[in-house]
PDB file of all heavy atoms in Angstrom:
ATOM      1  N   ALA A   1       1.447 -18.628  -2.871  1.00  0.00           N
ATOM      2  CA  ALA A   1       1.710 -18.107  -1.502  1.00  0.00           C
ATOM      3  C   ALA A   1       2.573 -16.878  -1.612  1.00  0.00           C
ATOM      4  O   ALA A   1       2.365 -15.873  -0.908  1.00  0.00           O
ATOM      5  CB  ALA A   1       2.389 -19.155  -0.653  1.00  0.00           C
ATOM      6  N   ASN A   2       3.586 -16.911  -2.535  1.00  0.00           N
ATOM      7  CA  ASN A   2       4.447 -15.697  -2.730  1.00  0.00           C
ATOM      8  C   ASN A   2       3.681 -14.545  -3.298  1.00  0.00           C
ATOM      9  O   ASN A   2       3.832 -13.382  -2.868  1.00  0.00           O
ATOM     10  CB  ASN A   2       5.600 -16.051  -3.627  1.00  0.00           C
ATOM     11  CG  ASN A   2       6.669 -16.944  -2.994  1.00  0.00           C
ATOM     12  OD1 ASN A   2       6.753 -16.954  -1.762  1.00  0.00           O
ATOM     13  ND2 ASN A   2       7.464 -17.595  -3.783  1.00  0.00           N
ATOM     14  N   TYR A   3       2.749 -14.835  -4.206  1.00  0.00           N
ATOM     15  CA  TYR A   3       1.883 -13.753  -4.756  1.00  0.00           C
ATOM     16  C   TYR A   3       1.031 -13.171  -3.645  1.00  0.00           C
ATOM     17  O   TYR A   3       0.877 -11.909  -3.634  1.00  0.00           O
ATOM     18  CB  TYR A   3       0.995 -14.236  -5.899  1.00  0.00           C
ATOM     19  CG  TYR A   3       1.706 -14.425  -7.216  1.00  0.00           C
ATOM     20  CD1 TYR A   3       1.465 -15.506  -8.009  1.00  0.00           C
ATOM     21  CD2 TYR A   3       2.579 -13.497  -7.706  1.00  0.00           C
ATOM     22  CE1 TYR A   3       2.070 -15.694  -9.230  1.00  0.00           C
ATOM     23  CE2 TYR A   3       3.218 -13.613  -8.901  1.00  0.00           C
ATOM     24  CZ  TYR A   3       2.959 -14.745  -9.667  1.00  0.00           C
ATOM     25  OH  TYR A   3       3.560 -14.861 -10.919  1.00  0.00           O
ATOM     26  N   HIS A   4       0.513 -14.016  -2.760  1.00  0.00           N
ATOM     27  CA  HIS A   4      -0.336 -13.520  -1.649  1.00  0.00           C
ATOM     28  C   HIS A   4       0.533 -12.571  -0.802  1.00  0.00           C
ATOM     29  O   HIS A   4       0.029 -11.507  -0.398  1.00  0.00           O
ATOM     30  CB  HIS A   4      -0.822 -14.712  -0.875  1.00  0.00           C
ATOM     31  CG  HIS A   4      -1.672 -14.328   0.310  1.00  0.00           C
ATOM     32  ND1 HIS A   4      -2.920 -13.736   0.183  1.00  0.00           N
ATOM     33  CD2 HIS A   4      -1.497 -14.388   1.615  1.00  0.00           C
ATOM     34  CE1 HIS A   4      -3.437 -13.459   1.350  1.00  0.00           C
ATOM     35  NE2 HIS A   4      -2.540 -13.898   2.277  1.00  0.00           N
ATOM     36  N   GLU A   5       1.756 -12.952  -0.452  1.00  0.00           N
ATOM     37  CA  GLU A   5       2.583 -12.088   0.374  1.00  0.00           C
ATOM     38  C   GLU A   5       2.915 -10.787  -0.326  1.00  0.00           C
ATOM     39  O   GLU A   5       2.900  -9.701   0.275  1.00  0.00           O
ATOM     40  CB  GLU A   5       3.859 -12.846   0.771  1.00  0.00           C
ATOM     41  CG  GLU A   5       3.613 -13.964   1.786  1.00  0.00           C
ATOM     42  CD  GLU A   5       4.917 -14.676   2.161  1.00  0.00           C
ATOM     43  OE1 GLU A   5       5.985 -14.092   2.050  1.00  0.00           O
ATOM     44  OE2 GLU A   5       4.784 -15.831   2.562  1.00  0.00           O
ATOM     45  N   LYS A   6       3.205 -10.907  -1.612  1.00  0.00           N
ATOM     46  CA  LYS A   6       3.488  -9.706  -2.384  1.00  0.00           C
ATOM     47  C   LYS A   6       2.356  -8.721  -2.435  1.00  0.00           C
ATOM     48  O   LYS A   6       2.509  -7.543  -2.262  1.00  0.00           O
ATOM     49  CB  LYS A   6       3.886 -10.083  -3.842  1.00  0.00           C
ATOM     50  CG  LYS A   6       4.254  -8.865  -4.700  1.00  0.00           C
ATOM     51  CD  LYS A   6       4.678  -9.370  -6.124  1.00  0.00           C
ATOM     52  CE  LYS A   6       5.051  -8.209  -7.000  1.00  0.00           C
ATOM     53  NZ  LYS A   6       5.392  -8.605  -8.343  1.00  0.00           N
ATOM     54  N   LEU A   7       1.128  -9.240  -2.528  1.00  0.00           N
ATOM     55  CA  LEU A   7      -0.052  -8.406  -2.555  1.00  0.00           C
ATOM     56  C   LEU A   7      -0.280  -7.783  -1.194  1.00  0.00           C
ATOM     57  O   LEU A   7      -0.739  -6.630  -1.154  1.00  0.00           O
ATOM     58  CB  LEU A   7      -1.280  -9.222  -2.972  1.00  0.00           C
ATOM     59  CG  LEU A   7      -1.304  -9.587  -4.492  1.00  0.00           C
ATOM     60  CD1 LEU A   7      -2.355 -10.616  -4.757  1.00  0.00           C
ATOM     61  CD2 LEU A   7      -1.531  -8.347  -5.353  1.00  0.00           C
ATOM     62  N   LEU A   8       0.038  -8.492  -0.106  1.00  0.00           N
ATOM     63  CA  LEU A   8      -0.045  -7.850   1.195  1.00  0.00           C
ATOM     64  C   LEU A   8       0.908  -6.688   1.338  1.00  0.00           C
ATOM     65  O   LEU A   8       0.525  -5.620   1.921  1.00  0.00           O
ATOM     66  CB  LEU A   8       0.227  -8.870   2.285  1.00  0.00           C
ATOM     67  CG  LEU A   8      -0.831  -9.981   2.462  1.00  0.00           C
ATOM     68  CD1 LEU A   8      -0.391 -10.972   3.531  1.00  0.00           C
ATOM     69  CD2 LEU A   8      -2.179  -9.363   2.865  1.00  0.00           C
ATOM     70  N   VAL A   9       2.106  -6.870   0.869  1.00  0.00           N
ATOM     71  CA  VAL A   9       3.100  -5.767   0.860  1.00  0.00           C
ATOM     72  C   VAL A   9       2.657  -4.588   0.035  1.00  0.00           C
ATOM     73  O   VAL A   9       2.707  -3.397   0.449  1.00  0.00           O
ATOM     74  CB  VAL A   9       4.445  -6.253   0.428  1.00  0.00           C
ATOM     75  CG1 VAL A   9       5.461  -5.135   0.281  1.00  0.00           C
ATOM     76  CG2 VAL A   9       5.035  -7.256   1.454  1.00  0.00           C
ATOM     77  N   LEU A  10       2.137  -4.891  -1.152  1.00  0.00           N
ATOM     78  CA  LEU A  10       1.609  -3.845  -2.004  1.00  0.00           C
ATOM     79  C   LEU A  10       0.450  -3.095  -1.450  1.00  0.00           C
ATOM     80  O   LEU A  10       0.308  -1.878  -1.543  1.00  0.00           O
ATOM     81  CB  LEU A  10       1.253  -4.453  -3.402  1.00  0.00           C
ATOM     82  CG  LEU A  10       2.376  -4.820  -4.348  1.00  0.00           C
ATOM     83  CD1 LEU A  10       1.866  -5.623  -5.545  1.00  0.00           C
ATOM     84  CD2 LEU A  10       3.139  -3.583  -4.788  1.00  0.00           C
ATOM     85  N   ASP A  11      -0.465  -3.868  -0.796  1.00  0.00           N
ATOM     86  CA  ASP A  11      -1.605  -3.172  -0.153  1.00  0.00           C
ATOM     87  C   ASP A  11      -1.154  -2.254   0.984  1.00  0.00           C
ATOM     88  O   ASP A  11      -1.708  -1.159   1.127  1.00  0.00           O
ATOM     89  CB  ASP A  11      -2.595  -4.248   0.404  1.00  0.00           C
ATOM     90  CG  ASP A  11      -3.387  -4.904  -0.706  1.00  0.00           C
ATOM     91  OD1 ASP A  11      -3.484  -4.302  -1.816  1.00  0.00           O
ATOM     92  OD2 ASP A  11      -3.932  -6.026  -0.542  1.00  0.00           O
ATOM     93  N   SER A  12      -0.152  -2.681   1.733  1.00  0.00           N
ATOM     94  CA  SER A  12       0.396  -1.792   2.772  1.00  0.00           C
ATOM     95  C   SER A  12       1.032  -0.555   2.210  1.00  0.00           C
ATOM     96  O   SER A  12       0.802   0.523   2.706  1.00  0.00           O
ATOM     97  CB  SER A  12       1.415  -2.597   3.585  1.00  0.00           C
ATOM     98  OG  SER A  12       2.022  -1.767   4.547  1.00  0.00           O
ATOM     99  N   ALA A  13       1.796  -0.722   1.141  1.00  0.00           N
ATOM    100  CA  ALA A  13       2.415   0.413   0.466  1.00  0.00           C
ATOM    101  C   ALA A  13       1.407   1.394  -0.066  1.00  0.00           C
ATOM    102  O   ALA A  13       1.500   2.637   0.024  1.00  0.00           O
ATOM    103  CB  ALA A  13       3.421  -0.002  -0.600  1.00  0.00           C
ATOM    104  N   ILE A  14       0.342   0.833  -0.644  1.00  0.00           N
ATOM    105  CA  ILE A  14      -0.759   1.639  -1.214  1.00  0.00           C
ATOM    106  C   ILE A  14      -1.451   2.429  -0.156  1.00  0.00           C
ATOM    107  O   ILE A  14      -1.736   3.592  -0.312  1.00  0.00           O
ATOM    108  CB  ILE A  14      -1.742   0.762  -2.047  1.00  0.00           C
ATOM    109  CG1 ILE A  14      -1.077   0.349  -3.355  1.00  0.00           C
ATOM    110  CG2 ILE A  14      -3.027   1.529  -2.330  1.00  0.00           C
ATOM    111  CD1 ILE A  14      -1.822  -0.748  -4.115  1.00  0.00           C
ATOM    112  N   ALA A  15      -1.690   1.766   1.034  1.00  0.00           N
ATOM    113  CA  ALA A  15      -2.403   2.439   2.105  1.00  0.00           C
ATOM    114  C   ALA A  15      -1.513   3.571   2.625  1.00  0.00           C
ATOM    115  O   ALA A  15      -1.990   4.662   2.898  1.00  0.00           O
ATOM    116  CB  ALA A  15      -2.657   1.469   3.254  1.00  0.00           C
ATOM    117  N   ASP A  16      -0.188   3.380   2.702  1.00  0.00           N
ATOM    118  CA  ASP A  16       0.682   4.462   3.157  1.00  0.00           C
ATOM    119  C   ASP A  16       0.677   5.623   2.178  1.00  0.00           C
ATOM    120  O   ASP A  16       0.611   6.790   2.608  1.00  0.00           O
ATOM    121  CB  ASP A  16       2.146   3.914   3.352  1.00  0.00           C
ATOM    122  CG  ASP A  16       2.310   3.039   4.544  1.00  0.00           C
ATOM    123  OD1 ASP A  16       1.422   3.038   5.447  1.00  0.00           O
ATOM    124  OD2 ASP A  16       3.337   2.298   4.609  1.00  0.00           O
ATOM    125  N   LEU A  17       0.815   5.313   0.938  1.00  0.00           N
ATOM    126  CA  LEU A  17       0.845   6.364  -0.097  1.00  0.00           C
ATOM    127  C   LEU A  17      -0.454   7.136  -0.149  1.00  0.00           C
ATOM    128  O   LEU A  17      -0.515   8.359  -0.340  1.00  0.00           O
ATOM    129  CB  LEU A  17       1.181   5.809  -1.468  1.00  0.00           C
ATOM    130  CG  LEU A  17       2.683   5.415  -1.657  1.00  0.00           C
ATOM    131  CD1 LEU A  17       2.836   4.632  -2.967  1.00  0.00           C
ATOM    132  CD2 LEU A  17       3.502   6.653  -1.658  1.00  0.00           C
ATOM    133  N   ARG A  18      -1.614   6.408   0.050  1.00  0.00           N
ATOM    134  CA  ARG A  18      -2.902   7.103   0.012  1.00  0.00           C
ATOM    135  C   ARG A  18      -3.040   8.028   1.247  1.00  0.00           C
ATOM    136  O   ARG A  18      -3.591   9.072   1.132  1.00  0.00           O
ATOM    137  CB  ARG A  18      -4.024   6.071   0.013  1.00  0.00           C
ATOM    138  CG  ARG A  18      -4.177   5.356  -1.333  1.00  0.00           C
ATOM    139  CD  ARG A  18      -5.238   4.360  -1.367  1.00  0.00           C
ATOM    140  NE  ARG A  18      -6.568   5.005  -1.207  1.00  0.00           N
ATOM    141  CZ  ARG A  18      -7.661   4.342  -0.937  1.00  0.00           C
ATOM    142  NH1 ARG A  18      -7.657   3.101  -0.800  1.00  0.00           N
ATOM    143  NH2 ARG A  18      -8.798   5.031  -0.812  1.00  0.00           N
ATOM    144  N   ALA A  19      -2.504   7.628   2.396  1.00  0.00           N
ATOM    145  CA  ALA A  19      -2.496   8.476   3.547  1.00  0.00           C
ATOM    146  C   ALA A  19      -1.703   9.714   3.348  1.00  0.00           C
ATOM    147  O   ALA A  19      -2.111  10.851   3.661  1.00  0.00           O
ATOM    148  CB  ALA A  19      -1.993   7.716   4.791  1.00  0.00           C
ATOM    149  N   GLN A  20      -0.501   9.590   2.721  1.00  0.00           N
ATOM    150  CA  GLN A  20       0.334  10.722   2.414  1.00  0.00           C
ATOM    151  C   GLN A  20      -0.306  11.645   1.361  1.00  0.00           C
ATOM    152  O   GLN A  20      -0.243  12.837   1.470  1.00  0.00           O
ATOM    153  CB  GLN A  20       1.679  10.246   1.919  1.00  0.00           C
ATOM    154  CG  GLN A  20       2.588   9.639   3.027  1.00  0.00           C
ATOM    155  CD  GLN A  20       3.892   9.152   2.446  1.00  0.00           C
ATOM    156  OE1 GLN A  20       4.299   9.505   1.374  1.00  0.00           O
ATOM    157  NE2 GLN A  20       4.523   8.299   3.223  1.00  0.00           N
ATOM    158  N   ALA A  21      -0.931  11.030   0.364  1.00  0.00           N
ATOM    159  CA  ALA A  21      -1.622  11.827  -0.680  1.00  0.00           C
ATOM    160  C   ALA A  21      -2.833  12.559  -0.078  1.00  0.00           C
ATOM    161  O   ALA A  21      -3.164  13.625  -0.582  1.00  0.00           O
ATOM    162  CB  ALA A  21      -2.040  10.907  -1.821  1.00  0.00           C
ATOM    163  N   GLY A  22      -3.463  11.944   0.932  1.00  0.00           N
ATOM    164  CA  GLY A  22      -4.550  12.640   1.604  1.00  0.00           C
ATOM    165  C   GLY A  22      -4.111  13.896   2.317  1.00  0.00           C
ATOM    166  O   GLY A  22      -4.854  14.857   2.368  1.00  0.00           O
ATOM    167  N   LEU A  23      -2.910  13.876   2.823  1.00  0.00           N
ATOM    168  CA  LEU A  23      -2.334  15.058   3.475  1.00  0.00           C
ATOM    169  C   LEU A  23      -1.884  16.123   2.459  1.00  0.00           C
ATOM    170  O   LEU A  23      -1.901  17.294   2.798  1.00  0.00           O
ATOM    171  CB  LEU A  23      -1.135  14.688   4.372  1.00  0.00           C
ATOM    172  CG  LEU A  23      -1.439  13.748   5.543  1.00  0.00           C
ATOM    173  CD1 LEU A  23      -0.169  13.337   6.244  1.00  0.00           C
ATOM    174  CD2 LEU A  23      -2.384  14.436   6.527  1.00  0.00           C
ATOM    175  N   ASN A  24      -1.409  15.697   1.340  1.00  0.00           N
ATOM    176  CA  ASN A  24      -0.964  16.608   0.279  1.00  0.00           C
ATOM    177  C   ASN A  24      -1.535  16.158  -1.060  1.00  0.00           C
ATOM    178  O   ASN A  24      -0.804  15.564  -1.885  1.00  0.00           O
ATOM    179  CB  ASN A  24       0.594  16.612   0.287  1.00  0.00           C
ATOM    180  CG  ASN A  24       1.154  17.723  -0.557  1.00  0.00           C
ATOM    181  OD1 ASN A  24       0.404  18.475  -1.184  1.00  0.00           O
ATOM    182  ND2 ASN A  24       2.426  17.769  -0.609  1.00  0.00           N
ATOM    183  N   PRO A  25      -2.790  16.470  -1.334  1.00  0.00           N
ATOM    184  CA  PRO A  25      -3.425  15.952  -2.538  1.00  0.00           C
ATOM    185  C   PRO A  25      -2.826  16.389  -3.882  1.00  0.00           C
ATOM    186  O   PRO A  25      -2.955  15.683  -4.872  1.00  0.00           O
ATOM    187  CB  PRO A  25      -4.869  16.491  -2.441  1.00  0.00           C
ATOM    188  CG  PRO A  25      -5.002  17.045  -1.069  1.00  0.00           C
ATOM    189  CD  PRO A  25      -3.680  17.270  -0.521  1.00  0.00           C
TER     190      PRO A  25
END
């Protein structure tokens, strides 16, 4: 269950970083 929550947080962080990288590749 903890791994599942950690992966949700990581997926959110990855999505944010990908959005920022899309603005400044």
